[in-house]
Amino acid sequence: QEFDSKGNPEGFAWLLTILLEQICRDPANHSPDLQQLLFLPGAAPSPAVLKSLLASLAEERGRLVTLWVCLVLWAPQPPPDGIPWPPNSPPPVHSLLRSMLVTMSQLPDASSLCRTC
């Protein structure tokens, strides 16, 4: 209900935030949920959403490092049934990682932050 009340893209940003924060707390068993969400149209997080989320996670470096390590180690999932994906296109989790790396490099104190990742 809360997802529906927020609409798109705010609903996807809200859900992505919940999933990424949960991965930081408990790194197991989240890959299919997050990766399936990223295949949905309009689910790619904007730089503003990522910056806000990563800035809050960077306050506790252990959380940000946990998130980064989990995402990097995930094997890409195939798209859900019924969602077409162009052949030879990178999986959405790779786009998320690229966006996160760029966003992390722009955070305050990024030079020391990114050494830990």
PDB file of N, CA and C in Angstrom:
ATOM      1  N   GLN A   1       0.813  -1.185   0.000  1.00  0.00           N
ATOM      2  CA  GLN A   1       0.000   0.000   0.000  1.00  0.00           C
ATOM      3  C   GLN A   1       0.863   1.257   0.000  1.00  0.00           C
ATOM      4  N   GLU A   2       1.917   1.231   0.814  1.00  0.00           N
ATOM      5  CA  GLU A   2       2.771   2.414   0.865  1.00  0.00           C
ATOM      6  C   GLU A   2       3.465   2.636  -0.470  1.00  0.00           C
ATOM      7  N   PHE A   3       3.900   1.544  -1.118  1.00  0.00           N
ATOM      8  CA  PHE A   3       4.525   1.649  -2.435  1.00  0.00           C
ATOM      9  C   PHE A   3       3.566   2.312  -3.416  1.00  0.00           C
ATOM     10  N   ASP A   4       2.316   1.852  -3.442  1.00  0.00           N
ATOM     11  CA  ASP A   4       1.318   2.411  -4.351  1.00  0.00           C
ATOM     12  C   ASP A   4       1.023   3.874  -4.042  1.00  0.00           C
ATOM     13  N   SER A   5       1.015   4.233  -2.772  1.00  0.00           N
ATOM     14  CA  SER A   5       0.697   5.616  -2.409  1.00  0.00           C
ATOM     15  C   SER A   5       1.801   6.584  -2.830  1.00  0.00           C
ATOM     16  N   LYS A   6       3.027   6.093  -2.953  1.00  0.00           N
ATOM     17  CA  LYS A   6       4.146   6.963  -3.337  1.00  0.00           C
ATOM     18  C   LYS A   6       4.214   7.194  -4.842  1.00  0.00           C
ATOM     19  N   GLY A   7       3.715   6.253  -5.623  1.00  0.00           N
ATOM     20  CA  GLY A   7       3.772   6.394  -7.071  1.00  0.00           C
ATOM     21  C   GLY A   7       5.177   6.140  -7.597  1.00  0.00           C
ATOM     22  N   ASN A   8       5.358   6.378  -8.888  1.00  0.00           N
ATOM     23  CA  ASN A   8       6.638   6.153  -9.543  1.00  0.00           C
ATOM     24  C   ASN A   8       7.231   7.519  -9.876  1.00  0.00           C
ATOM     25  N   PRO A   9       8.474   7.798  -9.655  1.00  0.00           N
ATOM     26  CA  PRO A   9       9.587   6.945  -9.231  1.00  0.00           C
ATOM     27  C   PRO A   9       9.802   6.896  -7.718  1.00  0.00           C
ATOM     28  N   GLU A  10       9.045   7.647  -6.955  1.00  0.00           N
ATOM     29  CA  GLU A  10       9.256   7.682  -5.512  1.00  0.00           C
ATOM     30  C   GLU A  10       9.049   6.318  -4.854  1.00  0.00           C
ATOM     31  N   GLY A  11       8.091   5.553  -5.366  1.00  0.00           N
ATOM     32  CA  GLY A  11       7.839   4.221  -4.820  1.00  0.00           C
ATOM     33  C   GLY A  11       9.025   3.293  -5.014  1.00  0.00           C
ATOM     34  N   PHE A  12       9.629   3.339  -6.205  1.00  0.00           N
ATOM     35  CA  PHE A  12      10.806   2.509  -6.454  1.00  0.00           C
ATOM     36  C   PHE A  12      11.977   2.960  -5.590  1.00  0.00           C
ATOM     37  N   ALA A  13      12.149   4.253  -5.429  1.00  0.00           N
ATOM     38  CA  ALA A  13      13.231   4.772  -4.583  1.00  0.00           C
ATOM     39  C   ALA A  13      13.035   4.314  -3.143  1.00  0.00           C
ATOM     40  N   TRP A  14      11.807   4.372  -2.668  1.00  0.00           N
ATOM     41  CA  TRP A  14      11.498   3.938  -1.307  1.00  0.00           C
ATOM     42  C   TRP A  14      11.807   2.450  -1.139  1.00  0.00           C
ATOM     43  N   LEU A  15      11.370   1.627  -2.095  1.00  0.00           N
ATOM     44  CA  LEU A  15      11.599   0.188  -2.012  1.00  0.00           C
ATOM     45  C   LEU A  15      13.088  -0.140  -2.122  1.00  0.00           C
ATOM     46  N   LEU A  16      13.791   0.532  -3.012  1.00  0.00           N
ATOM     47  CA  LEU A  16      15.231   0.323  -3.157  1.00  0.00           C
ATOM     48  C   LEU A  16      15.952   0.677  -1.851  1.00  0.00           C
ATOM     49  N   THR A  17      15.562   1.764  -1.238  1.00  0.00           N
ATOM     50  CA  THR A  17      16.173   2.162   0.029  1.00  0.00           C
ATOM     51  C   THR A  17      15.977   1.089   1.086  1.00  0.00           C
ATOM     52  N   ILE A  18      14.772   0.571   1.183  1.00  0.00           N
ATOM     53  CA  ILE A  18      14.493  -0.487   2.164  1.00  0.00           C
ATOM     54  C   ILE A  18      15.352  -1.722   1.887  1.00  0.00           C
ATOM     55  N   LEU A  19      15.433  -2.129   0.623  1.00  0.00           N
ATOM     56  CA  LEU A  19      16.222  -3.322   0.284  1.00  0.00           C
ATOM     57  C   LEU A  19      17.707  -3.112   0.574  1.00  0.00           C
ATOM     58  N   LEU A  20      18.260  -1.962   0.181  1.00  0.00           N
ATOM     59  CA  LEU A  20      19.687  -1.732   0.400  1.00  0.00           C
ATOM     60  C   LEU A  20      20.016  -1.616   1.888  1.00  0.00           C
ATOM     61  N   GLU A  21      19.154  -0.983   2.645  1.00  0.00           N
ATOM     62  CA  GLU A  21      19.389  -0.907   4.085  1.00  0.00           C
ATOM     63  C   GLU A  21      19.303  -2.290   4.726  1.00  0.00           C
ATOM     64  N   GLN A  22      18.398  -3.123   4.245  1.00  0.00           N
ATOM     65  CA  GLN A  22      18.280  -4.482   4.774  1.00  0.00           C
ATOM     66  C   GLN A  22      19.517  -5.305   4.422  1.00  0.00           C
ATOM     67  N   ILE A  23      20.057  -5.108   3.236  1.00  0.00           N
ATOM     68  CA  ILE A  23      21.280  -5.828   2.842  1.00  0.00           C
ATOM     69  C   ILE A  23      22.422  -5.463   3.781  1.00  0.00           C
ATOM     70  N   CYS A  24      22.492  -4.207   4.180  1.00  0.00           N
ATOM     71  CA  CYS A  24      23.547  -3.783   5.108  1.00  0.00           C
ATOM     72  C   CYS A  24      23.411  -4.471   6.464  1.00  0.00           C
ATOM     73  N   ARG A  25      22.188  -4.682   6.901  1.00  0.00           N
ATOM     74  CA  ARG A  25      21.959  -5.317   8.201  1.00  0.00           C
ATOM     75  C   ARG A  25      22.116  -6.832   8.136  1.00  0.00           C
ATOM     76  N   ASP A  26      21.654  -7.428   7.041  1.00  0.00           N
ATOM     77  CA  ASP A  26      21.666  -8.878   6.899  1.00  0.00           C
ATOM     78  C   ASP A  26      21.985  -9.196   5.438  1.00  0.00           C
ATOM     79  N   PRO A  27      23.266  -9.440   5.126  1.00  0.00           N
ATOM     80  CA  PRO A  27      23.676  -9.552   3.730  1.00  0.00           C
ATOM     81  C   PRO A  27      23.206 -10.796   2.967  1.00  0.00           C
ATOM     82  N   ALA A  28      22.519 -11.716   3.583  1.00  0.00           N
ATOM     83  CA  ALA A  28      22.146 -12.960   2.909  1.00  0.00           C
ATOM     84  C   ALA A  28      20.754 -12.885   2.280  1.00  0.00           C
ATOM     85  N   ASN A  29      20.607 -13.565   1.150  1.00  0.00           N
ATOM     86  CA  ASN A  29      19.303 -13.846   0.529  1.00  0.00           C
ATOM     87  C   ASN A  29      18.525 -12.656  -0.027  1.00  0.00           C
ATOM     88  N   HIS A  30      19.180 -11.608  -0.455  1.00  0.00           N
ATOM     89  CA  HIS A  30      18.462 -10.463  -1.009  1.00  0.00           C
ATOM     90  C   HIS A  30      18.651 -10.297  -2.509  1.00  0.00           C
ATOM     91  N   SER A  31      19.578 -11.007  -3.083  1.00  0.00           N
ATOM     92  CA  SER A  31      19.917 -10.804  -4.481  1.00  0.00           C
ATOM     93  C   SER A  31      18.722 -10.906  -5.421  1.00  0.00           C
ATOM     94  N   PRO A  32      17.925 -11.975  -5.368  1.00  0.00           N
ATOM     95  CA  PRO A  32      16.805 -12.055  -6.315  1.00  0.00           C
ATOM     96  C   PRO A  32      15.806 -10.912  -6.153  1.00  0.00           C
ATOM     97  N   ASP A  33      15.508 -10.535  -4.912  1.00  0.00           N
ATOM     98  CA  ASP A  33      14.542  -9.457  -4.696  1.00  0.00           C
ATOM     99  C   ASP A  33      14.998  -8.160  -5.338  1.00  0.00           C
ATOM    100  N   LEU A  34      16.212  -7.747  -5.038  1.00  0.00           N
ATOM    101  CA  LEU A  34      16.724  -6.486  -5.559  1.00  0.00           C
ATOM    102  C   LEU A  34      16.906  -6.547  -7.067  1.00  0.00           C
ATOM    103  N   GLN A  35      17.477  -7.626  -7.549  1.00  0.00           N
ATOM    104  CA  GLN A  35      17.737  -7.706  -8.989  1.00  0.00           C
ATOM    105  C   GLN A  35      16.445  -7.759  -9.794  1.00  0.00           C
ATOM    106  N   GLN A  36      15.446  -8.450  -9.290  1.00  0.00           N
ATOM    107  CA  GLN A  36      14.165  -8.480 -10.007  1.00  0.00           C
ATOM    108  C   GLN A  36      13.532  -7.090 -10.031  1.00  0.00           C
ATOM    109  N   LEU A  37      13.641  -6.360  -8.933  1.00  0.00           N
ATOM    110  CA  LEU A  37      13.121  -5.002  -8.879  1.00  0.00           C
ATOM    111  C   LEU A  37      13.803  -4.108  -9.909  1.00  0.00           C
ATOM    112  N   LEU A  38      15.109  -4.258 -10.068  1.00  0.00           N
ATOM    113  CA  LEU A  38      15.852  -3.387 -10.978  1.00  0.00           C
ATOM    114  C   LEU A  38      15.484  -3.604 -12.445  1.00  0.00           C
ATOM    115  N   PHE A  39      14.911  -4.751 -12.770  1.00  0.00           N
ATOM    116  CA  PHE A  39      14.489  -5.005 -14.150  1.00  0.00           C
ATOM    117  C   PHE A  39      13.216  -4.243 -14.516  1.00  0.00           C
ATOM    118  N   LEU A  40      12.453  -3.797 -13.523  1.00  0.00           N
ATOM    119  CA  LEU A  40      11.187  -3.128 -13.806  1.00  0.00           C
ATOM    120  C   LEU A  40      11.432  -1.760 -14.443  1.00  0.00           C
ATOM    121  N   PRO A  41      10.599  -1.360 -15.383  1.00  0.00           N
ATOM    122  CA  PRO A  41      10.764  -0.046 -16.001  1.00  0.00           C
ATOM    123  C   PRO A  41      10.679   1.067 -14.964  1.00  0.00           C
ATOM    124  N   GLY A  42      11.608   1.994 -15.023  1.00  0.00           N
ATOM    125  CA  GLY A  42      11.610   3.120 -14.109  1.00  0.00           C
ATOM    126  C   GLY A  42      12.208   2.821 -12.752  1.00  0.00           C
ATOM    127  N   ALA A  43      12.768   1.620 -12.570  1.00  0.00           N
ATOM    128  CA  ALA A  43      13.292   1.255 -11.252  1.00  0.00           C
ATOM    129  C   ALA A  43      14.742   1.673 -11.044  1.00  0.00           C
ATOM    130  N   ALA A  44      15.422   2.073 -12.100  1.00  0.00           N
ATOM    131  CA  ALA A  44      16.817   2.484 -11.932  1.00  0.00           C
ATOM    132  C   ALA A  44      16.872   3.711 -11.032  1.00  0.00           C
ATOM    133  N   PRO A  45      17.675   3.644  -9.993  1.00  0.00           N
ATOM    134  CA  PRO A  45      17.707   4.777  -9.053  1.00  0.00           C
ATOM    135  C   PRO A  45      18.379   5.998  -9.663  1.00  0.00           C
ATOM    136  N   SER A  46      17.844   7.142  -9.367  1.00  0.00           N
ATOM    137  CA  SER A  46      18.439   8.389  -9.845  1.00  0.00           C
ATOM    138  C   SER A  46      19.675   8.701  -9.009  1.00  0.00           C
ATOM    139  N   PRO A  47      20.577   9.532  -9.547  1.00  0.00           N
ATOM    140  CA  PRO A  47      21.745   9.927  -8.754  1.00  0.00           C
ATOM    141  C   PRO A  47      21.362  10.586  -7.428  1.00  0.00           C
ATOM    142  N   ALA A  48      20.293  11.357  -7.412  1.00  0.00           N
ATOM    143  CA  ALA A  48      19.866  12.026  -6.174  1.00  0.00           C
ATOM    144  C   ALA A  48      19.448  11.003  -5.118  1.00  0.00           C
ATOM    145  N   VAL A  49      18.732   9.960  -5.539  1.00  0.00           N
ATOM    146  CA  VAL A  49      18.310   8.913  -4.606  1.00  0.00           C
ATOM    147  C   VAL A  49      19.536   8.182  -4.059  1.00  0.00           C
ATOM    148  N   LEU A  50      20.446   7.817  -4.953  1.00  0.00           N
ATOM    149  CA  LEU A  50      21.644   7.111  -4.507  1.00  0.00           C
ATOM    150  C   LEU A  50      22.491   7.976  -3.585  1.00  0.00           C
ATOM    151  N   LYS A  51      22.634   9.254  -3.917  1.00  0.00           N
ATOM    152  CA  LYS A  51      23.468  10.131  -3.101  1.00  0.00           C
ATOM    153  C   LYS A  51      22.912  10.231  -1.685  1.00  0.00           C
ATOM    154  N   SER A  52      21.620  10.405  -1.575  1.00  0.00           N
ATOM    155  CA  SER A  52      20.985  10.499  -0.270  1.00  0.00           C
ATOM    156  C   SER A  52      21.158   9.196   0.517  1.00  0.00           C
ATOM    157  N   LEU A  53      20.905   8.082  -0.135  1.00  0.00           N
ATOM    158  CA  LEU A  53      21.003   6.791   0.528  1.00  0.00           C
ATOM    159  C   LEU A  53      22.439   6.474   0.935  1.00  0.00           C
ATOM    160  N   LEU A  54      23.384   6.657   0.013  1.00  0.00           N
ATOM    161  CA  LEU A  54      24.772   6.315   0.310  1.00  0.00           C
ATOM    162  C   LEU A  54      25.384   7.262   1.338  1.00  0.00           C
ATOM    163  N   ALA A  55      24.955   8.513   1.327  1.00  0.00           N
ATOM    164  CA  ALA A  55      25.458   9.452   2.329  1.00  0.00           C
ATOM    165  C   ALA A  55      25.056   8.991   3.728  1.00  0.00           C
ATOM    166  N   SER A  56      23.827   8.512   3.872  1.00  0.00           N
ATOM    167  CA  SER A  56      23.404   8.034   5.194  1.00  0.00           C
ATOM    168  C   SER A  56      24.130   6.744   5.568  1.00  0.00           C
ATOM    169  N   LEU A  57      24.379   5.879   4.600  1.00  0.00           N
ATOM    170  CA  LEU A  57      25.106   4.638   4.886  1.00  0.00           C
ATOM    171  C   LEU A  57      26.580   4.907   5.167  1.00  0.00           C
ATOM    172  N   ALA A  58      27.139   5.965   4.578  1.00  0.00           N
ATOM    173  CA  ALA A  58      28.556   6.279   4.765  1.00  0.00           C
ATOM    174  C   ALA A  58      28.855   6.743   6.183  1.00  0.00           C
ATOM    175  N   GLU A  59      27.836   7.133   6.906  1.00  0.00           N
ATOM    176  CA  GLU A  59      28.045   7.528   8.298  1.00  0.00           C
ATOM    177  C   GLU A  59      28.556   6.356   9.122  1.00  0.00           C
ATOM    178  N   GLU A  60      28.213   5.154   8.703  1.00  0.00           N
ATOM    179  CA  GLU A  60      28.729   3.931   9.326  1.00  0.00           C
ATOM    180  C   GLU A  60      29.428   3.147   8.224  1.00  0.00           C
ATOM    181  N   ARG A  61      30.721   3.309   8.120  1.00  0.00           N
ATOM    182  CA  ARG A  61      31.457   2.728   6.998  1.00  0.00           C
ATOM    183  C   ARG A  61      31.291   1.226   6.875  1.00  0.00           C
ATOM    184  N   GLY A  62      31.147   0.555   7.978  1.00  0.00           N
ATOM    185  CA  GLY A  62      30.959  -0.887   7.900  1.00  0.00           C
ATOM    186  C   GLY A  62      29.717  -1.262   7.109  1.00  0.00           C
ATOM    187  N   ARG A  63      28.665  -0.453   7.229  1.00  0.00           N
ATOM    188  CA  ARG A  63      27.433  -0.736   6.491  1.00  0.00           C
ATOM    189  C   ARG A  63      27.654  -0.544   4.992  1.00  0.00           C
ATOM    190  N   LEU A  64      28.327   0.515   4.628  1.00  0.00           N
ATOM    191  CA  LEU A  64      28.559   0.790   3.213  1.00  0.00           C
ATOM    192  C   LEU A  64      29.464  -0.269   2.593  1.00  0.00           C
ATOM    193  N   VAL A  65      30.490  -0.675   3.311  1.00  0.00           N
ATOM    194  CA  VAL A  65      31.393  -1.713   2.807  1.00  0.00           C
ATOM    195  C   VAL A  65      30.640  -3.033   2.658  1.00  0.00           C
ATOM    196  N   THR A  66      29.810  -3.380   3.628  1.00  0.00           N
ATOM    197  CA  THR A  66      29.012  -4.603   3.538  1.00  0.00           C
ATOM    198  C   THR A  66      28.127  -4.584   2.295  1.00  0.00           C
ATOM    199  N   LEU A  67      27.462  -3.467   2.074  1.00  0.00           N
ATOM    200  CA  LEU A  67      26.602  -3.343   0.892  1.00  0.00           C
ATOM    201  C   LEU A  67      27.412  -3.507  -0.382  1.00  0.00           C
ATOM    202  N   TRP A  68      28.526  -2.808  -0.486  1.00  0.00           N
ATOM    203  CA  TRP A  68      29.351  -2.862  -1.696  1.00  0.00           C
ATOM    204  C   TRP A  68      29.826  -4.282  -1.965  1.00  0.00           C
ATOM    205  N   VAL A  69      30.354  -4.952  -0.944  1.00  0.00           N
ATOM    206  CA  VAL A  69      30.867  -6.316  -1.118  1.00  0.00           C
ATOM    207  C   VAL A  69      29.745  -7.257  -1.554  1.00  0.00           C
ATOM    208  N   CYS A  70      28.589  -7.149  -0.931  1.00  0.00           N
ATOM    209  CA  CYS A  70      27.465  -8.018  -1.314  1.00  0.00           C
ATOM    210  C   CYS A  70      27.078  -7.815  -2.773  1.00  0.00           C
ATOM    211  N   LEU A  71      26.927  -6.566  -3.169  1.00  0.00           N
ATOM    212  CA  LEU A  71      26.497  -6.290  -4.545  1.00  0.00           C
ATOM    213  C   LEU A  71      27.535  -6.737  -5.570  1.00  0.00           C
ATOM    214  N   VAL A  72      28.804  -6.546  -5.267  1.00  0.00           N
ATOM    215  CA  VAL A  72      29.857  -6.926  -6.211  1.00  0.00           C
ATOM    216  C   VAL A  72      29.912  -8.442  -6.385  1.00  0.00           C
ATOM    217  N   LEU A  73      29.618  -9.183  -5.330  1.00  0.00           N
ATOM    218  CA  LEU A  73      29.726 -10.643  -5.386  1.00  0.00           C
ATOM    219  C   LEU A  73      28.501 -11.336  -5.971  1.00  0.00           C
ATOM    220  N   TRP A  74      27.408 -10.609  -6.134  1.00  0.00           N
ATOM    221  CA  TRP A  74      26.203 -11.239  -6.664  1.00  0.00           C
ATOM    222  C   TRP A  74      26.369 -11.631  -8.126  1.00  0.00           C
ATOM    223  N   ALA A  75      25.909 -12.823  -8.443  1.00  0.00           N
ATOM    224  CA  ALA A  75      25.826 -13.224  -9.846  1.00  0.00           C
ATOM    225  C   ALA A  75      24.575 -12.578 -10.436  1.00  0.00           C
ATOM    226  N   PRO A  76      24.687 -11.985 -11.618  1.00  0.00           N
ATOM    227  CA  PRO A  76      23.504 -11.352 -12.227  1.00  0.00           C
ATOM    228  C   PRO A  76      22.384 -12.361 -12.447  1.00  0.00           C
ATOM    229  N   GLN A  77      21.170 -11.922 -12.175  1.00  0.00           N
ATOM    230  CA  GLN A  77      19.974 -12.750 -12.346  1.00  0.00           C
ATOM    231  C   GLN A  77      19.363 -12.490 -13.726  1.00  0.00           C
ATOM    232  N   PRO A  78      18.672 -13.487 -14.283  1.00  0.00           N
ATOM    233  CA  PRO A  78      17.950 -13.247 -15.534  1.00  0.00           C
ATOM    234  C   PRO A  78      16.717 -12.377 -15.266  1.00  0.00           C
ATOM    235  N   PRO A  79      16.200 -11.729 -16.292  1.00  0.00           N
ATOM    236  CA  PRO A  79      14.996 -10.913 -16.082  1.00  0.00           C
ATOM    237  C   PRO A  79      13.804 -11.783 -15.699  1.00  0.00           C
ATOM    238  N   PRO A  80      12.851 -11.206 -14.968  1.00  0.00           N
ATOM    239  CA  PRO A  80      11.640 -11.964 -14.631  1.00  0.00           C
ATOM    240  C   PRO A  80      10.853 -12.303 -15.897  1.00  0.00           C
ATOM    241  N   ASP A  81      10.026 -13.319 -15.804  1.00  0.00           N
ATOM    242  CA  ASP A  81       9.172 -13.701 -16.930  1.00  0.00           C
ATOM    243  C   ASP A  81       8.322 -12.512 -17.358  1.00  0.00           C
ATOM    244  N   GLY A  82       8.242 -12.310 -18.658  1.00  0.00           N
ATOM    245  CA  GLY A  82       7.377 -11.271 -19.190  1.00  0.00           C
ATOM    246  C   GLY A  82       8.035  -9.905 -19.308  1.00  0.00           C
ATOM    247  N   ILE A  83       9.265  -9.762 -18.841  1.00  0.00           N
ATOM    248  CA  ILE A  83       9.958  -8.480 -18.984  1.00  0.00           C
ATOM    249  C   ILE A  83      11.053  -8.665 -20.027  1.00  0.00           C
ATOM    250  N   PRO A  84      10.880  -8.020 -21.188  1.00  0.00           N
ATOM    251  CA  PRO A  84      11.897  -8.176 -22.237  1.00  0.00           C
ATOM    252  C   PRO A  84      13.184  -7.444 -21.841  1.00  0.00           C
ATOM    253  N   TRP A  85      14.299  -8.039 -22.184  1.00  0.00           N
ATOM    254  CA  TRP A  85      15.587  -7.404 -21.921  1.00  0.00           C
ATOM    255  C   TRP A  85      16.430  -7.529 -23.187  1.00  0.00           C
ATOM    256  N   PRO A  86      16.961  -6.423 -23.682  1.00  0.00           N
ATOM    257  CA  PRO A  86      17.728  -6.479 -24.933  1.00  0.00           C
ATOM    258  C   PRO A  86      18.921  -7.428 -24.819  1.00  0.00           C
ATOM    259  N   PRO A  87      19.154  -8.219 -25.843  1.00  0.00           N
ATOM    260  CA  PRO A  87      20.312  -9.121 -25.819  1.00  0.00           C
ATOM    261  C   PRO A  87      21.602  -8.312 -25.689  1.00  0.00           C
ATOM    262  N   ASN A  88      22.564  -8.877 -25.028  1.00  0.00           N
ATOM    263  CA  ASN A  88      23.892  -8.283 -24.828  1.00  0.00           C
ATOM    264  C   ASN A  88      23.870  -6.989 -24.011  1.00  0.00           C
ATOM    265  N   SER A  89      22.766  -6.691 -23.352  1.00  0.00           N
ATOM    266  CA  SER A  89      22.710  -5.524 -22.469  1.00  0.00           C
ATOM    267  C   SER A  89      23.189  -5.944 -21.084  1.00  0.00           C
ATOM    268  N   PRO A  90      23.913  -5.056 -20.405  1.00  0.00           N
ATOM    269  CA  PRO A  90      24.367  -5.433 -19.062  1.00  0.00           C
ATOM    270  C   PRO A  90      23.183  -5.580 -18.116  1.00  0.00           C
ATOM    271  N   PRO A  91      23.303  -6.470 -17.159  1.00  0.00           N
ATOM    272  CA  PRO A  91      22.217  -6.623 -16.183  1.00  0.00           C
ATOM    273  C   PRO A  91      22.084  -5.352 -15.342  1.00  0.00           C
ATOM    274  N   PRO A  92      20.895  -5.075 -14.847  1.00  0.00           N
ATOM    275  CA  PRO A  92      20.676  -3.855 -14.082  1.00  0.00           C
ATOM    276  C   PRO A  92      21.552  -3.732 -12.838  1.00  0.00           C
ATOM    277  N   VAL A  93      21.934  -4.861 -12.235  1.00  0.00           N
ATOM    278  CA  VAL A  93      22.776  -4.759 -11.040  1.00  0.00           C
ATOM    279  C   VAL A  93      24.127  -4.148 -11.398  1.00  0.00           C
ATOM    280  N   HIS A  94      24.611  -4.360 -12.615  1.00  0.00           N
ATOM    281  CA  HIS A  94      25.872  -3.747 -13.037  1.00  0.00           C
ATOM    282  C   HIS A  94      25.710  -2.239 -13.196  1.00  0.00           C
ATOM    283  N   SER A  95      24.573  -1.819 -13.715  1.00  0.00           N
ATOM    284  CA  SER A  95      24.308  -0.378 -13.814  1.00  0.00           C
ATOM    285  C   SER A  95      24.213   0.248 -12.430  1.00  0.00           C
ATOM    286  N   LEU A  96      23.592  -0.458 -11.498  1.00  0.00           N
ATOM    287  CA  LEU A  96      23.500   0.037 -10.127  1.00  0.00           C
ATOM    288  C   LEU A  96      24.892   0.184  -9.522  1.00  0.00           C
ATOM    289  N   LEU A  97      25.754  -0.803  -9.718  1.00  0.00           N
ATOM    290  CA  LEU A  97      27.117  -0.734  -9.188  1.00  0.00           C
ATOM    291  C   LEU A  97      27.880   0.453  -9.782  1.00  0.00           C
ATOM    292  N   ARG A  98      27.743   0.656 -11.071  1.00  0.00           N
ATOM    293  CA  ARG A  98      28.414   1.782 -11.729  1.00  0.00           C
ATOM    294  C   ARG A  98      27.920   3.109 -11.146  1.00  0.00           C
ATOM    295  N   SER A  99      26.621   3.231 -10.992  1.00  0.00           N
ATOM    296  CA  SER A  99      26.046   4.455 -10.427  1.00  0.00           C
ATOM    297  C   SER A  99      26.489   4.656  -8.982  1.00  0.00           C
ATOM    298  N   MET A 100      26.548   3.560  -8.228  1.00  0.00           N
ATOM    299  CA  MET A 100      26.970   3.668  -6.834  1.00  0.00           C
ATOM    300  C   MET A 100      28.424   4.109  -6.732  1.00  0.00           C
ATOM    301  N   LEU A 101      29.280   3.575  -7.601  1.00  0.00           N
ATOM    302  CA  LEU A 101      30.694   3.942  -7.556  1.00  0.00           C
ATOM    303  C   LEU A 101      30.876   5.424  -7.866  1.00  0.00           C
ATOM    304  N   VAL A 102      30.172   5.908  -8.870  1.00  0.00           N
ATOM    305  CA  VAL A 102      30.247   7.336  -9.201  1.00  0.00           C
ATOM    306  C   VAL A 102      29.738   8.168  -8.037  1.00  0.00           C
ATOM    307  N   THR A 103      28.622   7.774  -7.467  1.00  0.00           N
ATOM    308  CA  THR A 103      28.042   8.513  -6.346  1.00  0.00           C
ATOM    309  C   THR A 103      28.972   8.484  -5.139  1.00  0.00           C
ATOM    310  N   MET A 104      29.548   7.325  -4.847  1.00  0.00           N
ATOM    311  CA  MET A 104      30.468   7.226  -3.717  1.00  0.00           C
ATOM    312  C   MET A 104      31.676   8.126  -3.912  1.00  0.00           C
ATOM    313  N   SER A 105      32.143   8.249  -5.136  1.00  0.00           N
ATOM    314  CA  SER A 105      33.318   9.092  -5.388  1.00  0.00           C
ATOM    315  C   SER A 105      33.019  10.570  -5.164  1.00  0.00           C
ATOM    316  N   GLN A 106      31.746  10.942  -5.127  1.00  0.00           N
ATOM    317  CA  GLN A 106      31.358  12.334  -4.943  1.00  0.00           C
ATOM    318  C   GLN A 106      30.944  12.651  -3.506  1.00  0.00           C
ATOM    319  N   LEU A 107      30.964  11.666  -2.628  1.00  0.00           N
ATOM    320  CA  LEU A 107      30.616  11.901  -1.233  1.00  0.00           C
ATOM    321  C   LEU A 107      31.742  12.655  -0.533  1.00  0.00           C
ATOM    322  N   PRO A 108      31.404  13.415   0.513  1.00  0.00           N
ATOM    323  CA  PRO A 108      32.458  14.062   1.297  1.00  0.00           C
ATOM    324  C   PRO A 108      33.419  13.004   1.842  1.00  0.00           C
ATOM    325  N   ASP A 109      34.688  13.332   1.856  1.00  0.00           N
ATOM    326  CA  ASP A 109      35.717  12.415   2.352  1.00  0.00           C
ATOM    327  C   ASP A 109      35.794  11.141   1.510  1.00  0.00           C
ATOM    328  N   ALA A 110      35.474  11.258   0.227  1.00  0.00           N
ATOM    329  CA  ALA A 110      35.446  10.083  -0.658  1.00  0.00           C
ATOM    330  C   ALA A 110      36.805   9.427  -0.803  1.00  0.00           C
ATOM    331  N   SER A 111      37.880  10.193  -0.726  1.00  0.00           N
ATOM    332  CA  SER A 111      39.197   9.587  -0.918  1.00  0.00           C
ATOM    333  C   SER A 111      39.496   8.529   0.143  1.00  0.00           C
ATOM    334  N   SER A 112      39.075   8.758   1.372  1.00  0.00           N
ATOM    335  CA  SER A 112      39.303   7.734   2.389  1.00  0.00           C
ATOM    336  C   SER A 112      38.183   6.707   2.401  1.00  0.00           C
ATOM    337  N   LEU A 113      36.987   7.115   2.032  1.00  0.00           N
ATOM    338  CA  LEU A 113      35.846   6.207   2.016  1.00  0.00           C
ATOM    339  C   LEU A 113      36.040   5.114   0.980  1.00  0.00           C
ATOM    340  N   CYS A 114      36.450   5.489  -0.216  1.00  0.00           N
ATOM    341  CA  CYS A 114      36.541   4.527  -1.305  1.00  0.00           C
ATOM    342  C   CYS A 114      37.715   3.573  -1.140  1.00  0.00           C
ATOM    343  N   ARG A 115      38.690   3.902  -0.329  1.00  0.00           N
ATOM    344  CA  ARG A 115      39.790   2.964  -0.066  1.00  0.00           C
ATOM    345  C   ARG A 115      39.284   1.724   0.652  1.00  0.00           C
ATOM    346  N   THR A 116      38.235   1.885   1.436  1.00  0.00           N
ATOM    347  CA  THR A 116      37.711   0.735   2.166  1.00  0.00           C
ATOM    348  C   THR A 116      36.858  -0.155   1.282  1.00  0.00           C
ATOM    349  N   CYS A 117      36.413   0.367   0.149  1.00  0.00           N
ATOM    350  CA  CYS A 117      35.563  -0.425  -0.753  1.00  0.00           C
ATOM    351  C   CYS A 117      36.408  -0.969  -1.852  1.00  0.00           C
TER     352      CYS A 117
END
